[in-house]
PDB file of N, CA and C in Angstrom:
ATOM      1  N   UNK A   1      52.496  98.639-163.085  1.00  0.00           N
ATOM      2  CA  UNK A   1      52.510  99.926-162.408  1.00  0.00           C
ATOM      3  C   UNK A   1      51.234 100.677-162.784  1.00  0.00           C
ATOM      4  N   UNK A   2      50.558 101.152-161.803  1.00  0.00           N
ATOM      5  CA  UNK A   2      49.326 101.892-162.030  1.00  0.00           C
ATOM      6  C   UNK A   2      49.620 103.390-161.977  1.00  0.00           C
ATOM      7  N   UNK A   3      49.213 104.092-163.026  1.00  0.00           N
ATOM      8  CA  UNK A   3      49.409 105.536-163.067  1.00  0.00           C
ATOM      9  C   UNK A   3      48.136 106.216-162.594  1.00  0.00           C
ATOM     10  N   UNK A   4      48.282 107.084-161.583  1.00  0.00           N
ATOM     11  CA  UNK A   4      47.132 107.756-161.006  1.00  0.00           C
ATOM     12  C   UNK A   4      46.683 108.950-161.844  1.00  0.00           C
ATOM     13  N   UNK A   5      47.615 109.639-162.414  1.00  0.00           N
ATOM     14  CA  UNK A   5      47.334 110.775-163.293  1.00  0.00           C
ATOM     15  C   UNK A   5      47.943 110.409-164.635  1.00  0.00           C
ATOM     16  N   UNK A   6      47.214 110.621-165.714  1.00  0.00           N
ATOM     17  CA  UNK A   6      47.695 110.141-167.010  1.00  0.00           C
ATOM     18  C   UNK A   6      47.225 111.068-168.125  1.00  0.00           C
ATOM     19  N   UNK A   7      48.074 111.231-169.152  1.00  0.00           N
ATOM     20  CA  UNK A   7      47.722 112.055-170.300  1.00  0.00           C
ATOM     21  C   UNK A   7      48.275 111.385-171.557  1.00  0.00           C
ATOM     22  N   UNK A   8      47.455 111.306-172.594  1.00  0.00           N
ATOM     23  CA  UNK A   8      47.868 110.689-173.857  1.00  0.00           C
ATOM     24  C   UNK A   8      48.764 111.639-174.641  1.00  0.00           C
ATOM     25  N   UNK A   9      49.868 111.097-175.140  1.00  0.00           N
ATOM     26  CA  UNK A   9      50.810 111.856-175.969  1.00  0.00           C
ATOM     27  C   UNK A   9      50.590 111.526-177.442  1.00  0.00           C
ATOM     28  N   UNK A  10      50.434 110.248-177.730  1.00  0.00           N
ATOM     29  CA  UNK A  10      50.294 109.809-179.124  1.00  0.00           C
ATOM     30  C   UNK A  10      49.370 108.605-179.171  1.00  0.00           C
ATOM     31  N   UNK A  11      48.466 108.604-180.139  1.00  0.00           N
ATOM     32  CA  UNK A  11      47.525 107.507-180.296  1.00  0.00           C
ATOM     33  C   UNK A  11      47.288 107.317-181.800  1.00  0.00           C
ATOM     34  N   UNK A  12      47.947 106.316-182.375  1.00  0.00           N
ATOM     35  CA  UNK A  12      47.825 106.039-183.812  1.00  0.00           C
ATOM     36  C   UNK A  12      47.190 104.665-183.959  1.00  0.00           C
ATOM     37  N   UNK A  13      45.990 104.628-184.495  1.00  0.00           N
ATOM     38  CA  UNK A  13      45.291 103.349-184.641  1.00  0.00           C
ATOM     39  C   UNK A  13      45.072 102.953-186.101  1.00  0.00           C
ATOM     40  N   UNK A  14      45.218 103.895-187.026  1.00  0.00           N
ATOM     41  CA  UNK A  14      44.910 103.615-188.433  1.00  0.00           C
ATOM     42  C   UNK A  14      46.168 103.478-189.279  1.00  0.00           C
ATOM     43  N   UNK A  15      47.117 102.684-188.786  1.00  0.00           N
ATOM     44  CA  UNK A  15      48.372 102.477-189.508  1.00  0.00           C
ATOM     45  C   UNK A  15      48.793 101.019-189.334  1.00  0.00           C
ATOM     46  N   UNK A  16      49.719 100.551-190.159  1.00  0.00           N
ATOM     47  CA  UNK A  16      50.189  99.170-190.012  1.00  0.00           C
ATOM     48  C   UNK A  16      50.788  98.895-188.623  1.00  0.00           C
ATOM     49  N   UNK A  17      51.327  99.942-187.993  1.00  0.00           N
ATOM     50  CA  UNK A  17      51.797  99.828-186.615  1.00  0.00           C
ATOM     51  C   UNK A  17      50.972 100.778-185.762  1.00  0.00           C
ATOM     52  N   UNK A  18      50.232 100.205-184.834  1.00  0.00           N
ATOM     53  CA  UNK A  18      49.458 101.018-183.894  1.00  0.00           C
ATOM     54  C   UNK A  18      50.397 101.482-182.786  1.00  0.00           C
ATOM     55  N   UNK A  19      50.288 102.754-182.413  1.00  0.00           N
ATOM     56  CA  UNK A  19      51.189 103.332-181.417  1.00  0.00           C
ATOM     57  C   UNK A  19      50.370 104.041-180.342  1.00  0.00           C
ATOM     58  N   UNK A  20      50.675 103.718-179.098  1.00  0.00           N
ATOM     59  CA  UNK A  20      50.026 104.358-177.957  1.00  0.00           C
ATOM     60  C   UNK A  20      51.112 104.827-176.998  1.00  0.00           C
ATOM     61  N   UNK A  21      51.147 106.122-176.713  1.00  0.00           N
ATOM     62  CA  UNK A  21      52.135 106.673-175.793  1.00  0.00           C
ATOM     63  C   UNK A  21      51.408 107.617-174.837  1.00  0.00           C
ATOM     64  N   UNK A  22      51.689 107.468-173.552  1.00  0.00           N
ATOM     65  CA  UNK A  22      51.102 108.368-172.563  1.00  0.00           C
ATOM     66  C   UNK A  22      52.128 108.657-171.476  1.00  0.00           C
ATOM     67  N   UNK A  23      51.870 109.699-170.721  1.00  0.00           N
ATOM     68  CA  UNK A  23      52.688 110.032-169.566  1.00  0.00           C
ATOM     69  C   UNK A  23      51.779 110.049-168.353  1.00  0.00           C
ATOM     70  N   UNK A  24      52.374 109.765-167.211  1.00  0.00           N
ATOM     71  CA  UNK A  24      51.589 109.769-165.997  1.00  0.00           C
ATOM     72  C   UNK A  24      52.474 109.786-164.769  1.00  0.00           C
ATOM     73  N   UNK A  25      51.819 109.892-163.627  1.00  0.00           N
ATOM     74  CA  UNK A  25      52.514 109.893-162.344  1.00  0.00           C
ATOM     75  C   UNK A  25      51.940 108.740-161.528  1.00  0.00           C
ATOM     76  N   UNK A  26      52.841 107.903-161.030  1.00  0.00           N
ATOM     77  CA  UNK A  26      52.417 106.717-160.289  1.00  0.00           C
ATOM     78  C   UNK A  26      52.022 107.078-158.859  1.00  0.00           C
ATOM     79  N   UNK A  27      51.462 106.113-158.174  1.00  0.00           N
ATOM     80  CA  UNK A  27      51.099 106.321-156.766  1.00  0.00           C
ATOM     81  C   UNK A  27      52.339 106.541-155.903  1.00  0.00           C
ATOM     82  N   UNK A  28      53.523 106.167-156.410  1.00  0.00           N
ATOM     83  CA  UNK A  28      54.786 106.395-155.706  1.00  0.00           C
ATOM     84  C   UNK A  28      55.460 107.693-156.145  1.00  0.00           C
ATOM     85  N   UNK A  29      54.732 108.536-156.861  1.00  0.00           N
ATOM     86  CA  UNK A  29      55.238 109.813-157.385  1.00  0.00           C
ATOM     87  C   UNK A  29      56.379 109.654-158.378  1.00  0.00           C
ATOM     88  N   UNK A  30      56.413 108.545-159.101  1.00  0.00           N
ATOM     89  CA  UNK A  30      57.361 108.400-160.199  1.00  0.00           C
ATOM     90  C   UNK A  30      56.697 108.945-161.455  1.00  0.00           C
ATOM     91  N   UNK A  31      57.480 109.630-162.283  1.00  0.00           N
ATOM     92  CA  UNK A  31      56.964 110.147-163.550  1.00  0.00           C
ATOM     93  C   UNK A  31      57.287 109.117-164.620  1.00  0.00           C
ATOM     94  N   UNK A  32      56.271 108.684-165.374  1.00  0.00           N
ATOM     95  CA  UNK A  32      56.444 107.576-166.306  1.00  0.00           C
ATOM     96  C   UNK A  32      55.909 107.944-167.686  1.00  0.00           C
ATOM     97  N   UNK A  33      56.727 107.690-168.701  1.00  0.00           N
ATOM     98  CA  UNK A  33      56.250 107.680-170.077  1.00  0.00           C
ATOM     99  C   UNK A  33      56.137 106.212-170.430  1.00  0.00           C
ATOM    100  N   UNK A  34      54.936 105.794-170.859  1.00  0.00           N
ATOM    101  CA  UNK A  34      54.743 104.399-171.242  1.00  0.00           C
ATOM    102  C   UNK A  34      54.260 104.336-172.672  1.00  0.00           C
ATOM    103  N   UNK A  35      54.715 103.304-173.376  1.00  0.00           N
ATOM    104  CA  UNK A  35      54.321 103.174-174.767  1.00  0.00           C
ATOM    105  C   UNK A  35      54.106 101.738-175.173  1.00  0.00           C
ATOM    106  N   UNK A  36      53.317 101.584-176.214  1.00  0.00           N
ATOM    107  CA  UNK A  36      53.073 100.271-176.791  1.00  0.00           C
ATOM    108  C   UNK A  36      52.958 100.431-178.300  1.00  0.00           C
ATOM    109  N   UNK A  37      53.627  99.547-179.009  1.00  0.00           N
ATOM    110  CA  UNK A  37      53.543  99.506-180.464  1.00  0.00           C
ATOM    111  C   UNK A  37      53.101  98.104-180.852  1.00  0.00           C
ATOM    112  N   UNK A  38      52.105  98.029-181.724  1.00  0.00           N
ATOM    113  CA  UNK A  38      51.539  96.747-182.119  1.00  0.00           C
ATOM    114  C   UNK A  38      51.468  96.705-183.647  1.00  0.00           C
ATOM    115  N   UNK A  39      52.018  95.652-184.239  1.00  0.00           N
ATOM    116  CA  UNK A  39      51.891  95.505-185.680  1.00  0.00           C
ATOM    117  C   UNK A  39      53.199  95.267-186.395  1.00  0.00           C
ATOM    118  N   UNK A  40      53.278  95.811-187.610  1.00  0.00           N
ATOM    119  CA  UNK A  40      54.409  95.553-188.506  1.00  0.00           C
ATOM    120  C   UNK A  40      55.756  96.008-187.964  1.00  0.00           C
ATOM    121  N   UNK A  41      55.801  97.205-187.374  1.00  0.00           N
ATOM    122  CA  UNK A  41      57.076  97.742-186.892  1.00  0.00           C
ATOM    123  C   UNK A  41      57.778  96.829-185.914  1.00  0.00           C
ATOM    124  N   UNK A  42      57.133  96.476-184.812  1.00  0.00           N
ATOM    125  CA  UNK A  42      57.792  95.577-183.863  1.00  0.00           C
ATOM    126  C   UNK A  42      58.073  94.190-184.450  1.00  0.00           C
ATOM    127  N   UNK A  43      57.167  93.713-185.300  1.00  0.00           N
ATOM    128  CA  UNK A  43      57.372  92.397-185.930  1.00  0.00           C
ATOM    129  C   UNK A  43      58.657  92.406-186.757  1.00  0.00           C
ATOM    130  N   UNK A  44      58.875  93.477-187.518  1.00  0.00           N
ATOM    131  CA  UNK A  44      60.068  93.602-188.353  1.00  0.00           C
ATOM    132  C   UNK A  44      61.337  93.732-187.511  1.00  0.00           C
ATOM    133  N   UNK A  45      61.295  94.553-186.469  1.00  0.00           N
ATOM    134  CA  UNK A  45      62.501  94.850-185.687  1.00  0.00           C
ATOM    135  C   UNK A  45      62.798  93.828-184.595  1.00  0.00           C
ATOM    136  N   UNK A  46      61.743  93.275-183.982  1.00  0.00           N
ATOM    137  CA  UNK A  46      61.949  92.422-182.810  1.00  0.00           C
ATOM    138  C   UNK A  46      61.439  90.996-182.976  1.00  0.00           C
ATOM    139  N   UNK A  47      60.748  90.718-184.090  1.00  0.00           N
ATOM    140  CA  UNK A  47      60.218  89.386-184.291  1.00  0.00           C
ATOM    141  C   UNK A  47      58.970  89.097-183.476  1.00  0.00           C
ATOM    142  N   UNK A  48      58.364  90.132-182.924  1.00  0.00           N
ATOM    143  CA  UNK A  48      57.130  90.002-182.141  1.00  0.00           C
ATOM    144  C   UNK A  48      56.248  91.191-182.495  1.00  0.00           C
ATOM    145  N   UNK A  49      54.963  90.983-182.560  1.00  0.00           N
ATOM    146  CA  UNK A  49      54.071  92.059-183.003  1.00  0.00           C
ATOM    147  C   UNK A  49      53.748  93.073-181.910  1.00  0.00           C
ATOM    148  N   UNK A  50      54.269  92.860-180.710  1.00  0.00           N
ATOM    149  CA  UNK A  50      53.968  93.753-179.589  1.00  0.00           C
ATOM    150  C   UNK A  50      55.253  94.200-178.908  1.00  0.00           C
ATOM    151  N   UNK A  51      55.409  95.494-178.724  1.00  0.00           N
ATOM    152  CA  UNK A  51      56.570  96.056-178.039  1.00  0.00           C
ATOM    153  C   UNK A  51      56.058  97.077-177.026  1.00  0.00           C
ATOM    154  N   UNK A  52      56.417  96.894-175.767  1.00  0.00           N
ATOM    155  CA  UNK A  52      56.001  97.818-174.715  1.00  0.00           C
ATOM    156  C   UNK A  52      57.227  98.360-174.004  1.00  0.00           C
ATOM    157  N   UNK A  53      57.149  99.606-173.555  1.00  0.00           N
ATOM    158  CA  UNK A  53      58.301 100.222-172.903  1.00  0.00           C
ATOM    159  C   UNK A  53      57.855 101.271-171.891  1.00  0.00           C
ATOM    160  N   UNK A  54      58.744 101.511-170.927  1.00  0.00           N
ATOM    161  CA  UNK A  54      58.512 102.494-169.877  1.00  0.00           C
ATOM    162  C   UNK A  54      59.790 103.279-169.640  1.00  0.00           C
ATOM    163  N   UNK A  55      59.660 104.585-169.519  1.00  0.00           N
ATOM    164  CA  UNK A  55      60.769 105.461-169.140  1.00  0.00           C
ATOM    165  C   UNK A  55      60.342 106.102-167.829  1.00  0.00           C
ATOM    166  N   UNK A  56      61.079 105.814-166.759  1.00  0.00           N
ATOM    167  CA  UNK A  56      60.665 106.209-165.420  1.00  0.00           C
ATOM    168  C   UNK A  56      61.664 107.162-164.789  1.00  0.00           C
ATOM    169  N   UNK A  57      61.157 108.276-164.284  1.00  0.00           N
ATOM    170  CA  UNK A  57      61.945 109.224-163.494  1.00  0.00           C
ATOM    171  C   UNK A  57      61.524 109.024-162.043  1.00  0.00           C
ATOM    172  N   UNK A  58      62.472 108.697-161.188  1.00  0.00           N
ATOM    173  CA  UNK A  58      62.170 108.450-159.779  1.00  0.00           C
ATOM    174  C   UNK A  58      61.582 109.682-159.099  1.00  0.00           C
ATOM    175  N   UNK A  59      60.822 109.418-158.059  1.00  0.00           N
ATOM    176  CA  UNK A  59      60.172 110.480-157.290  1.00  0.00           C
ATOM    177  C   UNK A  59      61.179 111.507-156.771  1.00  0.00           C
ATOM    178  N   UNK A  60      62.391 111.076-156.483  1.00  0.00           N
ATOM    179  CA  UNK A  60      63.416 111.991-155.965  1.00  0.00           C
ATOM    180  C   UNK A  60      63.752 113.112-156.950  1.00  0.00           C
ATOM    181  N   UNK A  61      63.440 112.913-158.230  1.00  0.00           N
ATOM    182  CA  UNK A  61      63.756 113.917-159.260  1.00  0.00           C
ATOM    183  C   UNK A  61      62.516 114.638-159.781  1.00  0.00           C
ATOM    184  N   UNK A  62      61.364 114.355-159.210  1.00  0.00           N
ATOM    185  CA  UNK A  62      60.119 114.959-159.668  1.00  0.00           C
ATOM    186  C   UNK A  62      60.110 116.475-159.460  1.00  0.00           C
ATOM    187  N   UNK A  63      60.688 116.920-158.341  1.00  0.00           N
ATOM    188  CA  UNK A  63      60.721 118.361-158.056  1.00  0.00           C
ATOM    189  C   UNK A  63      61.542 119.102-159.120  1.00  0.00           C
ATOM    190  N   UNK A  64      62.706 118.567-159.466  1.00  0.00           N
ATOM    191  CA  UNK A  64      63.554 119.201-160.501  1.00  0.00           C
ATOM    192  C   UNK A  64      62.859 119.187-161.851  1.00  0.00           C
ATOM    193  N   UNK A  65      62.229 118.089-162.183  1.00  0.00           N
ATOM    194  CA  UNK A  65      61.479 117.982-163.427  1.00  0.00           C
ATOM    195  C   UNK A  65      60.394 119.056-163.482  1.00  0.00           C
ATOM    196  N   UNK A  66      59.692 119.214-162.387  1.00  0.00           N
ATOM    197  CA  UNK A  66      58.630 120.214-162.299  1.00  0.00           C
ATOM    198  C   UNK A  66      59.193 121.623-162.475  1.00  0.00           C
ATOM    199  N   UNK A  67      60.287 121.929-161.789  1.00  0.00           N
ATOM    200  CA  UNK A  67      60.882 123.262-161.910  1.00  0.00           C
ATOM    201  C   UNK A  67      61.333 123.565-163.331  1.00  0.00           C
ATOM    202  N   UNK A  68      61.923 122.579-164.001  1.00  0.00           N
ATOM    203  CA  UNK A  68      62.398 122.801-165.362  1.00  0.00           C
ATOM    204  C   UNK A  68      61.248 123.021-166.339  1.00  0.00           C
ATOM    205  N   UNK A  69      60.150 122.310-166.146  1.00  0.00           N
ATOM    206  CA  UNK A  69      59.064 122.357-167.118  1.00  0.00           C
ATOM    207  C   UNK A  69      57.996 123.412-166.833  1.00  0.00           C
ATOM    208  N   UNK A  70      57.727 123.687-165.554  1.00  0.00           N
ATOM    209  CA  UNK A  70      56.658 124.655-165.267  1.00  0.00           C
ATOM    210  C   UNK A  70      57.075 125.740-164.289  1.00  0.00           C
ATOM    211  N   UNK A  71      58.302 125.711-163.827  1.00  0.00           N
ATOM    212  CA  UNK A  71      58.746 126.723-162.877  1.00  0.00           C
ATOM    213  C   UNK A  71      58.496 126.275-161.448  1.00  0.00           C
ATOM    214  N   UNK A  72      58.801 127.139-160.545  1.00  0.00           N
ATOM    215  CA  UNK A  72      58.638 126.803-159.129  1.00  0.00           C
ATOM    216  C   UNK A  72      57.168 126.624-158.779  1.00  0.00           C
ATOM    217  N   UNK A  73      56.924 125.667-157.916  1.00  0.00           N
ATOM    218  CA  UNK A  73      55.564 125.418-157.456  1.00  0.00           C
ATOM    219  C   UNK A  73      55.115 126.565-156.565  1.00  0.00           C
ATOM    220  N   UNK A  74      53.907 127.019-156.800  1.00  0.00           N
ATOM    221  CA  UNK A  74      53.353 128.066-155.948  1.00  0.00           C
ATOM    222  C   UNK A  74      53.146 127.514-154.543  1.00  0.00           C
ATOM    223  N   UNK A  75      53.491 128.267-153.504  1.00  0.00           N
ATOM    224  CA  UNK A  75      53.348 127.754-152.133  1.00  0.00           C
ATOM    225  C   UNK A  75      51.936 127.276-151.814  1.00  0.00           C
ATOM    226  N   UNK A  76      50.943 127.914-152.373  1.00  0.00           N
ATOM    227  CA  UNK A  76      49.559 127.535-152.068  1.00  0.00           C
ATOM    228  C   UNK A  76      49.008 126.468-153.017  1.00  0.00           C
ATOM    229  N   UNK A  77      49.816 126.055-153.987  1.00  0.00           N
ATOM    230  CA  UNK A  77      49.322 125.130-155.003  1.00  0.00           C
ATOM    231  C   UNK A  77      49.210 123.711-154.449  1.00  0.00           C
ATOM    232  N   UNK A  78      48.110 123.080-154.736  1.00  0.00           N
ATOM    233  CA  UNK A  78      47.886 121.710-154.292  1.00  0.00           C
ATOM    234  C   UNK A  78      48.645 120.752-155.204  1.00  0.00           C
ATOM    235  N   UNK A  79      49.147 119.642-154.652  1.00  0.00           N
ATOM    236  CA  UNK A  79      49.922 118.698-155.465  1.00  0.00           C
ATOM    237  C   UNK A  79      49.198 118.219-156.720  1.00  0.00           C
ATOM    238  N   UNK A  80      47.899 118.002-156.652  1.00  0.00           N
ATOM    239  CA  UNK A  80      47.157 117.528-157.831  1.00  0.00           C
ATOM    240  C   UNK A  80      47.223 118.544-158.970  1.00  0.00           C
ATOM    241  N   UNK A  81      47.115 119.830-158.650  1.00  0.00           N
ATOM    242  CA  UNK A  81      47.197 120.880-159.671  1.00  0.00           C
ATOM    243  C   UNK A  81      48.580 120.866-160.301  1.00  0.00           C
ATOM    244  N   UNK A  82      49.607 120.733-159.481  1.00  0.00           N
ATOM    245  CA  UNK A  82      50.975 120.697-159.986  1.00  0.00           C
ATOM    246  C   UNK A  82      51.170 119.494-160.897  1.00  0.00           C
ATOM    247  N   UNK A  83      50.658 118.340-160.512  1.00  0.00           N
ATOM    248  CA  UNK A  83      50.798 117.141-161.355  1.00  0.00           C
ATOM    249  C   UNK A  83      50.129 117.354-162.703  1.00  0.00           C
ATOM    250  N   UNK A  84      48.953 117.925-162.703  1.00  0.00           N
ATOM    251  CA  UNK A  84      48.257 118.182-163.969  1.00  0.00           C
ATOM    252  C   UNK A  84      49.024 119.165-164.837  1.00  0.00           C
ATOM    253  N   UNK A  85      49.589 120.194-164.235  1.00  0.00           N
ATOM    254  CA  UNK A  85      50.386 121.160-164.994  1.00  0.00           C
ATOM    255  C   UNK A  85      51.641 120.507-165.560  1.00  0.00           C
ATOM    256  N   UNK A  86      52.250 119.619-164.796  1.00  0.00           N
ATOM    257  CA  UNK A  86      53.444 118.907-165.264  1.00  0.00           C
ATOM    258  C   UNK A  86      53.094 118.003-166.448  1.00  0.00           C
ATOM    259  N   UNK A  87      52.007 117.268-166.359  1.00  0.00           N
ATOM    260  CA  UNK A  87      51.577 116.418-167.478  1.00  0.00           C
ATOM    261  C   UNK A  87      51.270 117.255-168.714  1.00  0.00           C
ATOM    262  N   UNK A  88      50.620 118.395-168.510  1.00  0.00           N
ATOM    263  CA  UNK A  88      50.335 119.297-169.634  1.00  0.00           C
ATOM    264  C   UNK A  88      51.624 119.804-170.277  1.00  0.00           C
ATOM    265  N   UNK A  89      52.627 120.120-169.454  1.00  0.00           N
ATOM    266  CA  UNK A  89      53.901 120.634-169.973  1.00  0.00           C
ATOM    267  C   UNK A  89      54.625 119.570-170.798  1.00  0.00           C
ATOM    268  N   UNK A  90      54.640 118.334-170.321  1.00  0.00           N
ATOM    269  CA  UNK A  90      55.299 117.261-171.077  1.00  0.00           C
ATOM    270  C   UNK A  90      54.511 116.974-172.356  1.00  0.00           C
ATOM    271  N   UNK A  91      53.203 117.021-172.260  1.00  0.00           N
ATOM    272  CA  UNK A  91      52.374 116.856-173.457  1.00  0.00           C
ATOM    273  C   UNK A  91      52.738 117.922-174.498  1.00  0.00           C
ATOM    274  N   UNK A  92      52.863 119.168-174.053  1.00  0.00           N
ATOM    275  CA  UNK A  92      53.239 120.251-174.959  1.00  0.00           C
ATOM    276  C   UNK A  92      54.616 120.050-175.563  1.00  0.00           C
ATOM    277  N   UNK A  93      55.523 119.495-174.785  1.00  0.00           N
ATOM    278  CA  UNK A  93      56.889 119.251-175.254  1.00  0.00           C
ATOM    279  C   UNK A  93      56.937 118.150-176.316  1.00  0.00           C
ATOM    280  N   UNK A  94      56.111 117.127-176.168  1.00  0.00           N
ATOM    281  CA  UNK A  94      56.210 115.943-177.022  1.00  0.00           C
ATOM    282  C   UNK A  94      55.117 115.809-178.075  1.00  0.00           C
ATOM    283  N   UNK A  95      54.068 116.613-177.992  1.00  0.00           N
ATOM    284  CA  UNK A  95      52.970 116.450-178.950  1.00  0.00           C
ATOM    285  C   UNK A  95      53.479 116.684-180.367  1.00  0.00           C
ATOM    286  N   UNK A  96      52.974 115.899-181.275  1.00  0.00           N
ATOM    287  CA  UNK A  96      53.383 116.018-182.673  1.00  0.00           C
ATOM    288  C   UNK A  96      54.666 115.275-183.009  1.00  0.00           C
ATOM    289  N   UNK A  97      55.345 114.747-181.994  1.00  0.00           N
ATOM    290  CA  UNK A  97      56.584 114.019-182.243  1.00  0.00           C
ATOM    291  C   UNK A  97      56.274 112.624-182.778  1.00  0.00           C
ATOM    292  N   UNK A  98      57.042 112.199-183.783  1.00  0.00           N
ATOM    293  CA  UNK A  98      56.923 110.828-184.272  1.00  0.00           C
ATOM    294  C   UNK A  98      57.693 109.854-183.384  1.00  0.00           C
ATOM    295  N   UNK A  99      58.592 110.400-182.554  1.00  0.00           N
ATOM    296  CA  UNK A  99      59.418 109.563-181.679  1.00  0.00           C
ATOM    297  C   UNK A  99      59.410 110.132-180.253  1.00  0.00           C
ATOM    298  N   UNK A 100      58.255 110.167-179.604  1.00  0.00           N
ATOM    299  CA  UNK A 100      58.195 110.818-178.292  1.00  0.00           C
ATOM    300  C   UNK A 100      59.088 110.174-177.234  1.00  0.00           C
ATOM    301  N   UNK A 101      59.252 108.855-177.260  1.00  0.00           N
ATOM    302  CA  UNK A 101      60.095 108.231-176.238  1.00  0.00           C
ATOM    303  C   UNK A 101      61.559 108.630-176.426  1.00  0.00           C
ATOM    304  N   UNK A 102      62.041 108.626-177.663  1.00  0.00           N
ATOM    305  CA  UNK A 102      63.429 109.046-177.929  1.00  0.00           C
ATOM    306  C   UNK A 102      63.618 110.521-177.604  1.00  0.00           C
ATOM    307  N   UNK A 103      62.637 111.335-177.964  1.00  0.00           N
ATOM    308  CA  UNK A 103      62.723 112.771-177.668  1.00  0.00           C
ATOM    309  C   UNK A 103      62.723 113.021-176.161  1.00  0.00           C
ATOM    310  N   UNK A 104      61.924 112.253-175.428  1.00  0.00           N
ATOM    311  CA  UNK A 104      61.861 112.418-173.979  1.00  0.00           C
ATOM    312  C   UNK A 104      63.191 112.017-173.327  1.00  0.00           C
ATOM    313  N   UNK A 105      63.768 110.897-173.748  1.00  0.00           N
ATOM    314  CA  UNK A 105      65.059 110.491-173.192  1.00  0.00           C
ATOM    315  C   UNK A 105      66.144 111.513-173.522  1.00  0.00           C
ATOM    316  N   UNK A 106      66.123 112.066-174.717  1.00  0.00           N
ATOM    317  CA  UNK A 106      67.106 113.093-175.088  1.00  0.00           C
ATOM    318  C   UNK A 106      66.938 114.328-174.210  1.00  0.00           C
ATOM    319  N   UNK A 107      65.699 114.735-173.946  1.00  0.00           N
ATOM    320  CA  UNK A 107      65.440 115.896-173.099  1.00  0.00           C
ATOM    321  C   UNK A 107      65.931 115.632-171.671  1.00  0.00           C
ATOM    322  N   UNK A 108      65.655 114.446-171.157  1.00  0.00           N
ATOM    323  CA  UNK A 108      66.108 114.099-169.803  1.00  0.00           C
ATOM    324  C   UNK A 108      67.637 114.109-169.722  1.00  0.00           C
ATOM    325  N   UNK A 109      68.304 113.538-170.730  1.00  0.00           N
ATOM    326  CA  UNK A 109      69.774 113.540-170.754  1.00  0.00           C
ATOM    327  C   UNK A 109      70.312 114.966-170.811  1.00  0.00           C
ATOM    328  N   UNK A 110      69.720 115.792-171.661  1.00  0.00           N
ATOM    329  CA  UNK A 110      70.149 117.185-171.804  1.00  0.00           C
ATOM    330  C   UNK A 110      70.071 117.943-170.480  1.00  0.00           C
ATOM    331  N   UNK A 111      69.116 117.588-169.643  1.00  0.00           N
ATOM    332  CA  UNK A 111      68.913 118.282-168.366  1.00  0.00           C
ATOM    333  C   UNK A 111      69.430 117.480-167.169  1.00  0.00           C
ATOM    334  N   UNK A 112      70.236 116.457-167.435  1.00  0.00           N
ATOM    335  CA  UNK A 112      70.860 115.639-166.393  1.00  0.00           C
ATOM    336  C   UNK A 112      69.866 115.076-165.385  1.00  0.00           C
ATOM    337  N   UNK A 113      68.755 114.596-165.884  1.00  0.00           N
ATOM    338  CA  UNK A 113      67.768 113.947-165.026  1.00  0.00           C
ATOM    339  C   UNK A 113      67.862 112.443-165.272  1.00  0.00           C
ATOM    340  N   UNK A 114      68.228 111.690-164.236  1.00  0.00           N
ATOM    341  CA  UNK A 114      68.358 110.247-164.420  1.00  0.00           C
ATOM    342  C   UNK A 114      66.997 109.580-164.651  1.00  0.00           C
ATOM    343  N   UNK A 115      67.032 108.496-165.413  1.00  0.00           N
ATOM    344  CA  UNK A 115      65.800 107.755-165.688  1.00  0.00           C
ATOM    345  C   UNK A 115      66.147 106.289-165.887  1.00  0.00           C
ATOM    346  N   UNK A 116      65.121 105.458-165.811  1.00  0.00           N
ATOM    347  CA  UNK A 116      65.243 104.033-166.095  1.00  0.00           C
ATOM    348  C   UNK A 116      64.425 103.724-167.337  1.00  0.00           C
ATOM    349  N   UNK A 117      64.958 102.841-168.167  1.00  0.00           N
ATOM    350  CA  UNK A 117      64.236 102.391-169.355  1.00  0.00           C
ATOM    351  C   UNK A 117      64.029 100.885-169.222  1.00  0.00           C
ATOM    352  N   UNK A 118      62.800 100.447-169.460  1.00  0.00           N
ATOM    353  CA  UNK A 118      62.486  99.020-169.424  1.00  0.00           C
ATOM    354  C   UNK A 118      61.591  98.705-170.608  1.00  0.00           C
ATOM    355  N   UNK A 119      61.825  97.571-171.247  1.00  0.00           N
ATOM    356  CA  UNK A 119      60.966  97.184-172.373  1.00  0.00           C
ATOM    357  C   UNK A 119      60.851  95.675-172.429  1.00  0.00           C
ATOM    358  N   UNK A 120      59.825  95.238-173.117  1.00  0.00           N
ATOM    359  CA  UNK A 120      59.691  93.824-173.468  1.00  0.00           C
ATOM    360  C   UNK A 120      58.814  93.694-174.691  1.00  0.00           C
TER     361      UNK A 120
END
């Protein structure tokens, strides 16, 4: 899946487990949190040194997500501006978290926004 708009949430490279987490919006208007962990952590838990995951909110729920995080879209606002504001809002919500994917799923559950989780 190619994300057209993307913002980094977490980037840890100087640890036994490297962690990369970002959020973005796909060309199909799905909101995606994607992550990758490389190193000791996944090796210990899964027997493989690489763990990748995606948490996807379907395009049908993007409007509700936007309203909850940044308020109603201004009538004159261009979609690109709204997408950037939404990414900034999620970044603000998750920055500094040691567990952004778990925190994001908890937030989605709390606000009754359905999502899909996929990993390998």
